[in-house]
PDB file of all heavy atoms in Angstrom:
ATOM      1  N   GLU A   1      78.711  71.127  88.965  1.00  0.00           N
ATOM      2  CA  GLU A   1      77.358  71.538  88.565  1.00  0.00           C
ATOM      3  C   GLU A   1      77.430  72.579  87.512  1.00  0.00           C
ATOM      4  O   GLU A   1      78.415  73.290  87.392  1.00  0.00           O
ATOM      5  CB  GLU A   1      76.526  72.039  89.753  1.00  0.00           C
ATOM      6  CG  GLU A   1      77.135  73.219  90.420  1.00  0.00           C
ATOM      7  CD  GLU A   1      76.284  73.701  91.603  1.00  0.00           C
ATOM      8  OE1 GLU A   1      76.160  72.941  92.595  1.00  0.00           O
ATOM      9  OE2 GLU A   1      75.759  74.869  91.532  1.00  0.00           O
ATOM     10  N   GLY A   2      76.346  72.698  86.665  1.00  0.00           N
ATOM     11  CA  GLY A   2      76.322  73.719  85.655  1.00  0.00           C
ATOM     12  C   GLY A   2      77.133  73.356  84.489  1.00  0.00           C
ATOM     13  O   GLY A   2      77.610  72.229  84.251  1.00  0.00           O
ATOM     14  N   ASN A   3      77.324  74.359  83.602  1.00  0.00           N
ATOM     15  CA  ASN A   3      78.098  74.128  82.351  1.00  0.00           C
ATOM     16  C   ASN A   3      79.584  74.416  82.605  1.00  0.00           C
ATOM     17  O   ASN A   3      79.978  74.924  83.631  1.00  0.00           O
ATOM     18  CB  ASN A   3      77.550  74.933  81.179  1.00  0.00           C
ATOM     19  CG  ASN A   3      77.667  76.438  81.384  1.00  0.00           C
ATOM     20  OD1 ASN A   3      78.747  76.972  81.733  1.00  0.00           O
ATOM     21  ND2 ASN A   3      76.566  77.148  81.155  1.00  0.00           N
ATOM     22  N   ILE A   4      80.378  74.118  81.580  1.00  0.00           N
ATOM     23  CA  ILE A   4      81.833  74.121  81.775  1.00  0.00           C
ATOM     24  C   ILE A   4      82.389  75.470  82.096  1.00  0.00           C
ATOM     25  O   ILE A   4      83.342  75.624  82.938  1.00  0.00           O
ATOM     26  CB  ILE A   4      82.502  73.557  80.470  1.00  0.00           C
ATOM     27  CG1 ILE A   4      82.355  72.022  80.437  1.00  0.00           C
ATOM     28  CG2 ILE A   4      83.955  73.951  80.379  1.00  0.00           C
ATOM     29  CD1 ILE A   4      82.990  71.348  79.231  1.00  0.00           C
ATOM     30  N   VAL A   5      81.846  76.575  81.506  1.00  0.00           N
ATOM     31  CA  VAL A   5      82.376  77.926  81.737  1.00  0.00           C
ATOM     32  C   VAL A   5      81.690  78.572  82.961  1.00  0.00           C
ATOM     33  O   VAL A   5      82.382  79.213  83.770  1.00  0.00           O
ATOM     34  CB  VAL A   5      82.191  78.780  80.500  1.00  0.00           C
ATOM     35  CG1 VAL A   5      82.602  80.197  80.769  1.00  0.00           C
ATOM     36  CG2 VAL A   5      83.046  78.204  79.365  1.00  0.00           C
ATOM     37  N   GLU A   6      80.424  78.443  83.058  1.00  0.00           N
ATOM     38  CA  GLU A   6      79.686  79.200  84.136  1.00  0.00           C
ATOM     39  C   GLU A   6      79.393  78.331  85.354  1.00  0.00           C
ATOM     40  O   GLU A   6      78.917  78.879  86.363  1.00  0.00           O
ATOM     41  CB  GLU A   6      78.404  79.771  83.576  1.00  0.00           C
ATOM     42  CG  GLU A   6      78.604  80.783  82.455  1.00  0.00           C
ATOM     43  CD  GLU A   6      77.328  81.230  81.815  1.00  0.00           C
ATOM     44  OE1 GLU A   6      76.305  80.478  81.975  1.00  0.00           O
ATOM     45  OE2 GLU A   6      77.323  82.276  81.143  1.00  0.00           O
ATOM     46  N   GLY A   7      79.648  77.071  85.311  1.00  0.00           N
ATOM     47  CA  GLY A   7      79.371  76.144  86.392  1.00  0.00           C
ATOM     48  C   GLY A   7      80.421  76.169  87.508  1.00  0.00           C
ATOM     49  O   GLY A   7      81.377  76.976  87.468  1.00  0.00           O
ATOM     50  N   ILE A   8      80.251  75.270  88.414  1.00  0.00           N
ATOM     51  CA  ILE A   8      81.182  75.177  89.561  1.00  0.00           C
ATOM     52  C   ILE A   8      82.033  73.934  89.406  1.00  0.00           C
ATOM     53  O   ILE A   8      81.563  72.833  89.305  1.00  0.00           O
ATOM     54  CB  ILE A   8      80.384  75.123  90.891  1.00  0.00           C
ATOM     55  CG1 ILE A   8      79.563  76.378  91.040  1.00  0.00           C
ATOM     56  CG2 ILE A   8      81.425  74.964  92.039  1.00  0.00           C
ATOM     57  CD1 ILE A   8      80.364  77.665  91.111  1.00  0.00           C
ATOM     58  N   TRP A   9      83.354  74.126  89.393  1.00  0.00           N
ATOM     59  CA  TRP A   9      84.307  73.081  89.421  1.00  0.00           C
ATOM     60  C   TRP A   9      84.821  72.891  90.860  1.00  0.00           C
ATOM     61  O   TRP A   9      84.866  73.857  91.630  1.00  0.00           O
ATOM     62  CB  TRP A   9      85.489  73.399  88.509  1.00  0.00           C
ATOM     63  CG  TRP A   9      85.221  73.432  87.074  1.00  0.00           C
ATOM     64  CD1 TRP A   9      84.599  74.466  86.430  1.00  0.00           C
ATOM     65  CD2 TRP A   9      85.540  72.457  86.130  1.00  0.00           C
ATOM     66  NE1 TRP A   9      84.499  74.175  85.068  1.00  0.00           N
ATOM     67  CE2 TRP A   9      85.085  72.940  84.832  1.00  0.00           C
ATOM     68  CE3 TRP A   9      86.178  71.272  86.131  1.00  0.00           C
ATOM     69  CZ2 TRP A   9      85.223  72.253  83.658  1.00  0.00           C
ATOM     70  CZ3 TRP A   9      86.355  70.521  84.948  1.00  0.00           C
ATOM     71  CH2 TRP A   9      85.850  71.042  83.742  1.00  0.00           C
ATOM     72  N   TYR A  10      85.251  71.685  91.186  1.00  0.00           N
ATOM     73  CA  TYR A  10      85.836  71.501  92.578  1.00  0.00           C
ATOM     74  C   TYR A  10      87.075  72.369  92.703  1.00  0.00           C
ATOM     75  O   TYR A  10      87.328  72.908  93.799  1.00  0.00           O
ATOM     76  CB  TYR A  10      86.195  70.027  92.777  1.00  0.00           C
ATOM     77  CG  TYR A  10      86.677  69.729  94.169  1.00  0.00           C
ATOM     78  CD1 TYR A  10      85.725  69.472  95.167  1.00  0.00           C
ATOM     79  CD2 TYR A  10      88.010  69.819  94.544  1.00  0.00           C
ATOM     80  CE1 TYR A  10      86.166  69.230  96.483  1.00  0.00           C
ATOM     81  CE2 TYR A  10      88.449  69.575  95.785  1.00  0.00           C
ATOM     82  CZ  TYR A  10      87.473  69.266  96.792  1.00  0.00           C
ATOM     83  OH  TYR A  10      87.918  69.061  98.097  1.00  0.00           O
ATOM     84  N   GLN A  11      87.789  72.576  91.624  1.00  0.00           N
ATOM     85  CA  GLN A  11      88.988  73.406  91.667  1.00  0.00           C
ATOM     86  C   GLN A  11      88.705  74.818  92.141  1.00  0.00           C
ATOM     87  O   GLN A  11      89.540  75.446  92.771  1.00  0.00           O
ATOM     88  CB  GLN A  11      89.640  73.480  90.306  1.00  0.00           C
ATOM     89  CG  GLN A  11      90.996  74.162  90.213  1.00  0.00           C
ATOM     90  CD  GLN A  11      91.733  73.988  88.905  1.00  0.00           C
ATOM     91  OE1 GLN A  11      92.538  74.837  88.542  1.00  0.00           O
ATOM     92  NE2 GLN A  11      91.454  72.962  88.146  1.00  0.00           N
ATOM     93  N   LYS A  12      87.540  75.358  91.826  1.00  0.00           N
ATOM     94  CA  LYS A  12      87.075  76.625  92.331  1.00  0.00           C
ATOM     95  C   LYS A  12      86.481  76.528  93.709  1.00  0.00           C
ATOM     96  O   LYS A  12      86.679  77.398  94.543  1.00  0.00           O
ATOM     97  CB  LYS A  12      86.058  77.245  91.365  1.00  0.00           C
ATOM     98  CG  LYS A  12      85.589  78.645  91.767  1.00  0.00           C
ATOM     99  CD  LYS A  12      84.648  79.207  90.703  1.00  0.00           C
ATOM    100  CE  LYS A  12      84.200  80.659  91.076  1.00  0.00           C
ATOM    101  NZ  LYS A  12      83.282  81.250  90.060  1.00  0.00           N
ATOM    102  N   GLN A  13      85.787  75.454  93.963  1.00  0.00           N
ATOM    103  CA  GLN A  13      85.047  75.352  95.231  1.00  0.00           C
ATOM    104  C   GLN A  13      85.999  75.192  96.403  1.00  0.00           C
ATOM    105  O   GLN A  13      85.686  75.668  97.499  1.00  0.00           O
ATOM    106  CB  GLN A  13      84.141  74.083  95.174  1.00  0.00           C
ATOM    107  CG  GLN A  13      83.330  73.877  96.441  1.00  0.00           C
ATOM    108  CD  GLN A  13      82.310  72.728  96.267  1.00  0.00           C
ATOM    109  OE1 GLN A  13      81.302  72.892  95.655  1.00  0.00           O
ATOM    110  NE2 GLN A  13      82.610  71.595  96.818  1.00  0.00           N
ATOM    111  N   PHE A  14      87.180  74.613  96.203  1.00  0.00           N
ATOM    112  CA  PHE A  14      88.101  74.397  97.316  1.00  0.00           C
ATOM    113  C   PHE A  14      88.902  75.680  97.631  1.00  0.00           C
ATOM    114  O   PHE A  14      89.602  75.696  98.659  1.00  0.00           O
ATOM    115  CB  PHE A  14      88.999  73.207  97.063  1.00  0.00           C
ATOM    116  CG  PHE A  14      90.435  73.456  96.698  1.00  0.00           C
ATOM    117  CD1 PHE A  14      91.469  73.103  97.540  1.00  0.00           C
ATOM    118  CD2 PHE A  14      90.735  73.987  95.469  1.00  0.00           C
ATOM    119  CE1 PHE A  14      92.822  73.278  97.163  1.00  0.00           C
ATOM    120  CE2 PHE A  14      92.038  74.186  95.068  1.00  0.00           C
ATOM    121  CZ  PHE A  14      93.101  73.799  95.930  1.00  0.00           C
ATOM    122  N   GLN A  15      88.726  76.723  96.872  1.00  0.00           N
ATOM    123  CA  GLN A  15      89.447  77.973  97.133  1.00  0.00           C
ATOM    124  C   GLN A  15      88.842  78.778  98.278  1.00  0.00           C
ATOM    125  O   GLN A  15      87.583  78.780  98.396  1.00  0.00           O
ATOM    126  CB  GLN A  15      89.486  78.848  95.880  1.00  0.00           C
ATOM    127  CG  GLN A  15      90.218  78.181  94.709  1.00  0.00           C
ATOM    128  CD  GLN A  15      90.071  79.037  93.430  1.00  0.00           C
ATOM    129  OE1 GLN A  15      89.722  80.229  93.421  1.00  0.00           O
ATOM    130  NE2 GLN A  15      90.360  78.443  92.285  1.00  0.00           N
ATOM    131  N   ASN A  16      89.650  79.397  99.074  1.00  0.00           N
ATOM    132  CA  ASN A  16      89.190  80.312 100.110  1.00  0.00           C
ATOM    133  C   ASN A  16      89.733  81.723  99.826  1.00  0.00           C
ATOM    134  O   ASN A  16      90.881  81.857  99.367  1.00  0.00           O
ATOM    135  CB  ASN A  16      89.671  79.865 101.512  1.00  0.00           C
ATOM    136  CG  ASN A  16      89.055  78.591 101.952  1.00  0.00           C
ATOM    137  OD1 ASN A  16      87.843  78.341 101.806  1.00  0.00           O
ATOM    138  ND2 ASN A  16      89.864  77.651 102.515  1.00  0.00           N
ATOM    139  N   TRP A  17      88.906  82.688 100.081  1.00  0.00           N
ATOM    140  CA  TRP A  17      89.337  84.070  99.797  1.00  0.00           C
ATOM    141  C   TRP A  17      89.217  84.909 101.031  1.00  0.00           C
ATOM    142  O   TRP A  17      89.035  86.120 100.981  1.00  0.00           O
ATOM    143  CB  TRP A  17      88.430  84.647  98.704  1.00  0.00           C
ATOM    144  CG  TRP A  17      88.666  83.955  97.383  1.00  0.00           C
ATOM    145  CD1 TRP A  17      88.047  82.889  96.829  1.00  0.00           C
ATOM    146  CD2 TRP A  17      89.715  84.261  96.442  1.00  0.00           C
ATOM    147  NE1 TRP A  17      88.592  82.508  95.644  1.00  0.00           N
ATOM    148  CE2 TRP A  17      89.645  83.369  95.356  1.00  0.00           C
ATOM    149  CE3 TRP A  17      90.725  85.240  96.404  1.00  0.00           C
ATOM    150  CZ2 TRP A  17      90.498  83.384  94.260  1.00  0.00           C
ATOM    151  CZ3 TRP A  17      91.593  85.279  95.329  1.00  0.00           C
ATOM    152  CH2 TRP A  17      91.468  84.334  94.259  1.00  0.00           C
ATOM    153  N   ASP A  18      89.357  84.255 102.207  1.00  0.00           N
ATOM    154  CA  ASP A  18      89.305  84.978 103.463  1.00  0.00           C
ATOM    155  C   ASP A  18      90.669  85.018 104.165  1.00  0.00           C
ATOM    156  O   ASP A  18      90.821  85.332 105.348  1.00  0.00           O
ATOM    157  CB  ASP A  18      88.282  84.334 104.402  1.00  0.00           C
ATOM    158  CG  ASP A  18      88.596  82.877 104.746  1.00  0.00           C
ATOM    159  OD1 ASP A  18      89.579  82.324 104.202  1.00  0.00           O
ATOM    160  OD2 ASP A  18      87.808  82.220 105.422  1.00  0.00           O
ATOM    161  N   GLY A  19      91.694  84.640 103.453  1.00  0.00           N
ATOM    162  CA  GLY A  19      93.059  84.681 104.020  1.00  0.00           C
ATOM    163  C   GLY A  19      93.479  83.268 104.574  1.00  0.00           C
ATOM    164  O   GLY A  19      94.645  83.126 104.871  1.00  0.00           O
ATOM    165  N   SER A  20      92.556  82.362 104.665  1.00  0.00           N
ATOM    166  CA  SER A  20      92.884  81.053 105.154  1.00  0.00           C
ATOM    167  C   SER A  20      93.365  80.187 104.027  1.00  0.00           C
ATOM    168  O   SER A  20      93.052  80.405 102.863  1.00  0.00           O
ATOM    169  CB  SER A  20      91.725  80.409 105.855  1.00  0.00           C
ATOM    170  OG  SER A  20      90.604  80.209 104.964  1.00  0.00           O
ATOM    171  N   PRO A  21      94.157  79.146 104.310  1.00  0.00           N
ATOM    172  CA  PRO A  21      94.695  78.272 103.243  1.00  0.00           C
ATOM    173  C   PRO A  21      93.571  77.435 102.589  1.00  0.00           C
ATOM    174  O   PRO A  21      92.493  77.197 103.229  1.00  0.00           O
ATOM    175  CB  PRO A  21      95.695  77.411 103.935  1.00  0.00           C
ATOM    176  CG  PRO A  21      95.233  77.349 105.391  1.00  0.00           C
ATOM    177  CD  PRO A  21      94.632  78.705 105.632  1.00  0.00           C
ATOM    178  N   ASP A  22      93.811  77.001 101.406  1.00  0.00           N
ATOM    179  CA  ASP A  22      92.918  76.072 100.685  1.00  0.00           C
ATOM    180  C   ASP A  22      93.296  74.659 101.077  1.00  0.00           C
ATOM    181  O   ASP A  22      94.441  74.227 100.954  1.00  0.00           O
ATOM    182  CB  ASP A  22      93.068  76.299  99.162  1.00  0.00           C
ATOM    183  CG  ASP A  22      92.803  77.717  98.742  1.00  0.00           C
ATOM    184  OD1 ASP A  22      91.991  78.402  99.421  1.00  0.00           O
ATOM    185  OD2 ASP A  22      93.393  78.169  97.736  1.00  0.00           O
ATOM    186  N   LEU A  23      92.274  73.929 101.514  1.00  0.00           N
ATOM    187  CA  LEU A  23      92.479  72.572 102.086  1.00  0.00           C
ATOM    188  C   LEU A  23      91.870  71.536 101.178  1.00  0.00           C
ATOM    189  O   LEU A  23      90.733  71.665 100.738  1.00  0.00           O
ATOM    190  CB  LEU A  23      91.888  72.496 103.486  1.00  0.00           C
ATOM    191  CG  LEU A  23      92.415  73.552 104.474  1.00  0.00           C
ATOM    192  CD1 LEU A  23      91.743  73.358 105.836  1.00  0.00           C
ATOM    193  CD2 LEU A  23      93.935  73.447 104.649  1.00  0.00           C
ATOM    194  N   TRP A  24      92.576  70.454 100.926  1.00  0.00           N
ATOM    195  CA  TRP A  24      92.145  69.420 100.027  1.00  0.00           C
ATOM    196  C   TRP A  24      92.224  68.110 100.791  1.00  0.00           C
ATOM    197  O   TRP A  24      93.262  67.377 100.711  1.00  0.00           O
ATOM    198  CB  TRP A  24      93.040  69.462  98.772  1.00  0.00           C
ATOM    199  CG  TRP A  24      92.769  68.440  97.676  1.00  0.00           C
ATOM    200  CD1 TRP A  24      91.798  67.523  97.647  1.00  0.00           C
ATOM    201  CD2 TRP A  24      93.490  68.358  96.427  1.00  0.00           C
ATOM    202  NE1 TRP A  24      91.918  66.757  96.425  1.00  0.00           N
ATOM    203  CE2 TRP A  24      92.894  67.313  95.723  1.00  0.00           C
ATOM    204  CE3 TRP A  24      94.581  69.069  95.910  1.00  0.00           C
ATOM    205  CZ2 TRP A  24      93.403  66.957  94.497  1.00  0.00           C
ATOM    206  CZ3 TRP A  24      95.029  68.685  94.697  1.00  0.00           C
ATOM    207  CH2 TRP A  24      94.456  67.660  93.926  1.00  0.00           C
ATOM    208  N   PRO A  25      91.161  67.655 101.417  1.00  0.00           N
ATOM    209  CA  PRO A  25      91.196  66.406 102.197  1.00  0.00           C
ATOM    210  C   PRO A  25      90.860  65.189 101.300  1.00  0.00           C
ATOM    211  O   PRO A  25      89.987  65.222 100.474  1.00  0.00           O
ATOM    212  CB  PRO A  25      90.121  66.634 103.268  1.00  0.00           C
ATOM    213  CG  PRO A  25      89.122  67.501 102.592  1.00  0.00           C
ATOM    214  CD  PRO A  25      89.919  68.371 101.606  1.00  0.00           C
ATOM    215  N   VAL A  26      91.602  64.104 101.586  1.00  0.00           N
ATOM    216  CA  VAL A  26      91.390  62.822 100.873  1.00  0.00           C
ATOM    217  C   VAL A  26      91.587  61.705 101.844  1.00  0.00           C
ATOM    218  O   VAL A  26      92.484  61.760 102.707  1.00  0.00           O
ATOM    219  CB  VAL A  26      92.323  62.698  99.687  1.00  0.00           C
ATOM    220  CG1 VAL A  26      92.270  61.322  99.006  1.00  0.00           C
ATOM    221  CG2 VAL A  26      92.057  63.758  98.605  1.00  0.00           C
ATOM    222  N   ARG A  27      90.768  60.693 101.663  1.00  0.00           N
ATOM    223  CA  ARG A  27      90.881  59.537 102.613  1.00  0.00           C
ATOM    224  C   ARG A  27      91.733  58.401 101.994  1.00  0.00           C
ATOM    225  O   ARG A  27      91.519  58.028 100.795  1.00  0.00           O
ATOM    226  CB  ARG A  27      89.511  59.006 102.936  1.00  0.00           C
ATOM    227  CG  ARG A  27      89.482  57.854 103.975  1.00  0.00           C
ATOM    228  CD  ARG A  27      88.134  57.774 104.612  1.00  0.00           C
ATOM    229  NE  ARG A  27      87.875  59.030 105.382  1.00  0.00           N
ATOM    230  CZ  ARG A  27      86.632  59.508 105.632  1.00  0.00           C
ATOM    231  NH1 ARG A  27      85.542  58.865 105.241  1.00  0.00           N
ATOM    232  NH2 ARG A  27      86.539  60.591 106.340  1.00  0.00           N
ATOM    233  N   ILE A  28      92.695  57.876 102.694  1.00  0.00           N
ATOM    234  CA  ILE A  28      93.432  56.725 102.248  1.00  0.00           C
ATOM    235  C   ILE A  28      92.521  55.481 102.330  1.00  0.00           C
ATOM    236  O   ILE A  28      91.863  55.268 103.305  1.00  0.00           O
ATOM    237  CB  ILE A  28      94.651  56.504 103.167  1.00  0.00           C
ATOM    238  CG1 ILE A  28      95.580  57.732 103.104  1.00  0.00           C
ATOM    239  CG2 ILE A  28      95.427  55.230 102.731  1.00  0.00           C
ATOM    240  CD1 ILE A  28      96.141  58.083 101.789  1.00  0.00           C
ATOM    241  N   PRO A  29      92.433  54.712 101.222  1.00  0.00           N
ATOM    242  CA  PRO A  29      91.572  53.558 101.269  1.00  0.00           C
ATOM    243  C   PRO A  29      91.788  52.642 102.467  1.00  0.00           C
ATOM    244  O   PRO A  29      92.905  52.266 102.760  1.00  0.00           O
ATOM    245  CB  PRO A  29      91.895  52.831  99.968  1.00  0.00           C
ATOM    246  CG  PRO A  29      92.453  53.898  99.087  1.00  0.00           C
ATOM    247  CD  PRO A  29      93.157  54.844  99.982  1.00  0.00           C
ATOM    248  N   ALA A  30      90.681  52.312 103.152  1.00  0.00           N
ATOM    249  CA  ALA A  30      90.740  51.542 104.394  1.00  0.00           C
ATOM    250  C   ALA A  30      91.231  50.108 104.128  1.00  0.00           C
ATOM    251  O   ALA A  30      91.797  49.472 105.036  1.00  0.00           O
ATOM    252  CB  ALA A  30      89.406  51.531 105.075  1.00  0.00           C
ATOM    253  N   THR A  31      91.039  49.588 102.928  1.00  0.00           N
ATOM    254  CA  THR A  31      91.357  48.206 102.617  1.00  0.00           C
ATOM    255  C   THR A  31      92.755  48.012 102.051  1.00  0.00           C
ATOM    256  O   THR A  31      93.170  46.860 101.840  1.00  0.00           O
ATOM    257  CB  THR A  31      90.336  47.715 101.608  1.00  0.00           C
ATOM    258  OG1 THR A  31      90.381  48.528 100.410  1.00  0.00           O
ATOM    259  CG2 THR A  31      88.929  47.709 102.140  1.00  0.00           C
ATOM    260  N   ILE A  32      93.464  49.071 101.813  1.00  0.00           N
ATOM    261  CA  ILE A  32      94.763  48.989 101.123  1.00  0.00           C
ATOM    262  C   ILE A  32      95.813  48.239 101.976  1.00  0.00           C
ATOM    263  O   ILE A  32      95.779  48.270 103.209  1.00  0.00           O
ATOM    264  CB  ILE A  32      95.308  50.407 100.802  1.00  0.00           C
ATOM    265  CG1 ILE A  32      96.377  50.355  99.729  1.00  0.00           C
ATOM    266  CG2 ILE A  32      95.840  51.113 102.076  1.00  0.00           C
ATOM    267  CD1 ILE A  32      96.782  51.755  99.217  1.00  0.00           C
ATOM    268  N   LYS A  33      96.690  47.526 101.282  1.00  0.00           N
ATOM    269  CA  LYS A  33      97.728  46.789 101.993  1.00  0.00           C
ATOM    270  C   LYS A  33      98.746  47.813 102.512  1.00  0.00           C
ATOM    271  O   LYS A  33      98.941  48.873 101.953  1.00  0.00           O
ATOM    272  CB  LYS A  33      98.399  45.808 101.076  1.00  0.00           C
ATOM    273  CG  LYS A  33      99.457  46.314 100.106  1.00  0.00           C
ATOM    274  CD  LYS A  33     100.116  45.216  99.324  1.00  0.00           C
ATOM    275  CE  LYS A  33     101.202  45.672  98.425  1.00  0.00           C
ATOM    276  NZ  LYS A  33     102.374  46.257  99.176  1.00  0.00           N
ATOM    277  N   PRO A  34      99.401  47.502 103.627  1.00  0.00           N
ATOM    278  CA  PRO A  34     100.386  48.411 104.218  1.00  0.00           C
ATOM    279  C   PRO A  34     101.637  48.511 103.320  1.00  0.00           C
ATOM    280  O   PRO A  34     101.905  47.632 102.508  1.00  0.00           O
ATOM    281  CB  PRO A  34     100.727  47.775 105.564  1.00  0.00           C
ATOM    282  CG  PRO A  34     100.423  46.341 105.360  1.00  0.00           C
ATOM    283  CD  PRO A  34      99.262  46.237 104.420  1.00  0.00           C
ATOM    284  N   GLY A  35     102.373  49.603 103.511  1.00  0.00           N
ATOM    285  CA  GLY A  35     103.596  49.752 102.761  1.00  0.00           C
ATOM    286  C   GLY A  35     104.038  51.194 102.605  1.00  0.00           C
ATOM    287  O   GLY A  35     103.409  52.114 103.114  1.00  0.00           O
ATOM    288  N   LEU A  36     105.065  51.389 101.796  1.00  0.00           N
ATOM    289  CA  LEU A  36     105.590  52.680 101.484  1.00  0.00           C
ATOM    290  C   LEU A  36     105.023  53.137 100.117  1.00  0.00           C
ATOM    291  O   LEU A  36     105.147  52.370  99.130  1.00  0.00           O
ATOM    292  CB  LEU A  36     107.119  52.633 101.437  1.00  0.00           C
ATOM    293  CG  LEU A  36     107.824  52.114 102.681  1.00  0.00           C
ATOM    294  CD1 LEU A  36     109.324  52.089 102.511  1.00  0.00           C
ATOM    295  CD2 LEU A  36     107.424  52.949 103.896  1.00  0.00           C
ATOM    296  N   TYR A  37     104.430  54.297 100.077  1.00  0.00           N
ATOM    297  CA  TYR A  37     103.775  54.792  98.912  1.00  0.00           C
ATOM    298  C   TYR A  37     104.212  56.213  98.575  1.00  0.00           C
ATOM    299  O   TYR A  37     104.499  57.000  99.490  1.00  0.00           O
ATOM    300  CB  TYR A  37     102.221  54.792  99.119  1.00  0.00           C
ATOM    301  CG  TYR A  37     101.632  53.414  99.190  1.00  0.00           C
ATOM    302  CD1 TYR A  37     101.612  52.665 100.394  1.00  0.00           C
ATOM    303  CD2 TYR A  37     100.957  52.844  98.074  1.00  0.00           C
ATOM    304  CE1 TYR A  37     101.045  51.413 100.432  1.00  0.00           C
ATOM    305  CE2 TYR A  37     100.339  51.606  98.172  1.00  0.00           C
ATOM    306  CZ  TYR A  37     100.351  50.897  99.319  1.00  0.00           C
ATOM    307  OH  TYR A  37      99.797  49.654  99.394  1.00  0.00           O
ATOM    308  N   VAL A  38     104.109  56.526  97.311  1.00  0.00           N
ATOM    309  CA  VAL A  38     104.093  57.970  96.867  1.00  0.00           C
ATOM    310  C   VAL A  38     102.650  58.392  96.737  1.00  0.00           C
ATOM    311  O   VAL A  38     101.816  57.699  96.117  1.00  0.00           O
ATOM    312  CB  VAL A  38     104.801  58.126  95.503  1.00  0.00           C
ATOM    313  CG1 VAL A  38     104.619  59.534  94.977  1.00  0.00           C
ATOM    314  CG2 VAL A  38     106.331  57.829  95.633  1.00  0.00           C
ATOM    315  N   ILE A  39     102.323  59.510  97.321  1.00  0.00           N
ATOM    316  CA  ILE A  39     101.037  60.144  97.091  1.00  0.00           C
ATOM    317  C   ILE A  39     101.226  61.312  96.173  1.00  0.00           C
ATOM    318  O   ILE A  39     102.156  62.135  96.292  1.00  0.00           O
ATOM    319  CB  ILE A  39     100.328  60.580  98.365  1.00  0.00           C
ATOM    320  CG1 ILE A  39      98.923  61.099  98.116  1.00  0.00           C
ATOM    321  CG2 ILE A  39     101.159  61.630  99.152  1.00  0.00           C
ATOM    322  CD1 ILE A  39      98.041  61.270  99.312  1.00  0.00           C
ATOM    323  N   ARG A  40     100.416  61.349  95.106  1.00  0.00           N
ATOM    324  CA  ARG A  40     100.542  62.362  94.042  1.00  0.00           C
ATOM    325  C   ARG A  40      99.253  63.187  93.931  1.00  0.00           C
ATOM    326  O   ARG A  40      98.194  62.581  93.652  1.00  0.00           O
ATOM    327  CB  ARG A  40     100.854  61.636  92.712  1.00  0.00           C
ATOM    328  CG  ARG A  40     100.930  62.579  91.487  1.00  0.00           C
ATOM    329  CD  ARG A  40     101.180  61.742  90.210  1.00  0.00           C
ATOM    330  NE  ARG A  40     101.300  62.608  89.042  1.00  0.00           N
ATOM    331  CZ  ARG A  40     100.239  62.960  88.283  1.00  0.00           C
ATOM    332  NH1 ARG A  40      99.028  62.475  88.566  1.00  0.00           N
ATOM    333  NH2 ARG A  40     100.401  63.719  87.225  1.00  0.00           N
ATOM    334  N   HIS A  41      99.357  64.477  94.113  1.00  0.00           N
ATOM    335  CA  HIS A  41      98.234  65.384  93.933  1.00  0.00           C
ATOM    336  C   HIS A  41      98.401  66.067  92.567  1.00  0.00           C
ATOM    337  O   HIS A  41      99.515  66.588  92.324  1.00  0.00           O
ATOM    338  CB  HIS A  41      98.142  66.401  95.029  1.00  0.00           C
ATOM    339  CG  HIS A  41      97.683  65.903  96.339  1.00  0.00           C
ATOM    340  ND1 HIS A  41      98.495  65.128  97.175  1.00  0.00           N
ATOM    341  CD2 HIS A  41      96.502  66.022  96.961  1.00  0.00           C
ATOM    342  CE1 HIS A  41      97.863  64.832  98.265  1.00  0.00           C
ATOM    343  NE2 HIS A  41      96.615  65.308  98.181  1.00  0.00           N
ATOM    344  N   GLU A  42      97.384  66.060  91.771  1.00  0.00           N
ATOM    345  CA  GLU A  42      97.438  66.749  90.464  1.00  0.00           C
ATOM    346  C   GLU A  42      96.282  67.687  90.282  1.00  0.00           C
ATOM    347  O   GLU A  42      95.158  67.304  90.494  1.00  0.00           O
ATOM    348  CB  GLU A  42      97.430  65.676  89.330  1.00  0.00           C
ATOM    349  CG  GLU A  42      97.378  66.293  87.981  1.00  0.00           C
ATOM    350  CD  GLU A  42      97.107  65.238  86.879  1.00  0.00           C
ATOM    351  OE1 GLU A  42      98.007  64.436  86.629  1.00  0.00           O
ATOM    352  OE2 GLU A  42      95.983  65.240  86.315  1.00  0.00           O
ATOM    353  N   ILE A  43      96.590  68.884  89.881  1.00  0.00           N
ATOM    354  CA  ILE A  43      95.577  69.829  89.435  1.00  0.00           C
ATOM    355  C   ILE A  43      95.851  70.092  87.940  1.00  0.00           C
ATOM    356  O   ILE A  43      96.988  70.434  87.570  1.00  0.00           O
ATOM    357  CB  ILE A  43      95.632  71.153  90.167  1.00  0.00           C
ATOM    358  CG1 ILE A  43      95.368  70.947  91.680  1.00  0.00           C
ATOM    359  CG2 ILE A  43      94.615  72.169  89.612  1.00  0.00           C
ATOM    360  CD1 ILE A  43      95.420  72.214  92.470  1.00  0.00           C
ATOM    361  N   LEU A  44      94.804  69.937  87.103  1.00  0.00           N
ATOM    362  CA  LEU A  44      94.907  70.204  85.692  1.00  0.00           C
ATOM    363  C   LEU A  44      94.020  71.418  85.404  1.00  0.00           C
ATOM    364  O   LEU A  44      92.827  71.379  85.622  1.00  0.00           O
ATOM    365  CB  LEU A  44      94.413  69.029  84.872  1.00  0.00           C
ATOM    366  CG  LEU A  44      94.163  69.248  83.351  1.00  0.00           C
ATOM    367  CD1 LEU A  44      95.413  69.811  82.691  1.00  0.00           C
ATOM    368  CD2 LEU A  44      93.685  67.977  82.701  1.00  0.00           C
TER     369      LEU A  44
END
């Protein structure tokens, strides 16, 4: 929401400043075929 500089990015929203860790939950697609996968998290 908002503009690029003064608005809110998810990268800022997921941060905690109370001493608890920052948590980034993601759901594995329910329809995906089974198998061995690499999961890659990227922050730019």
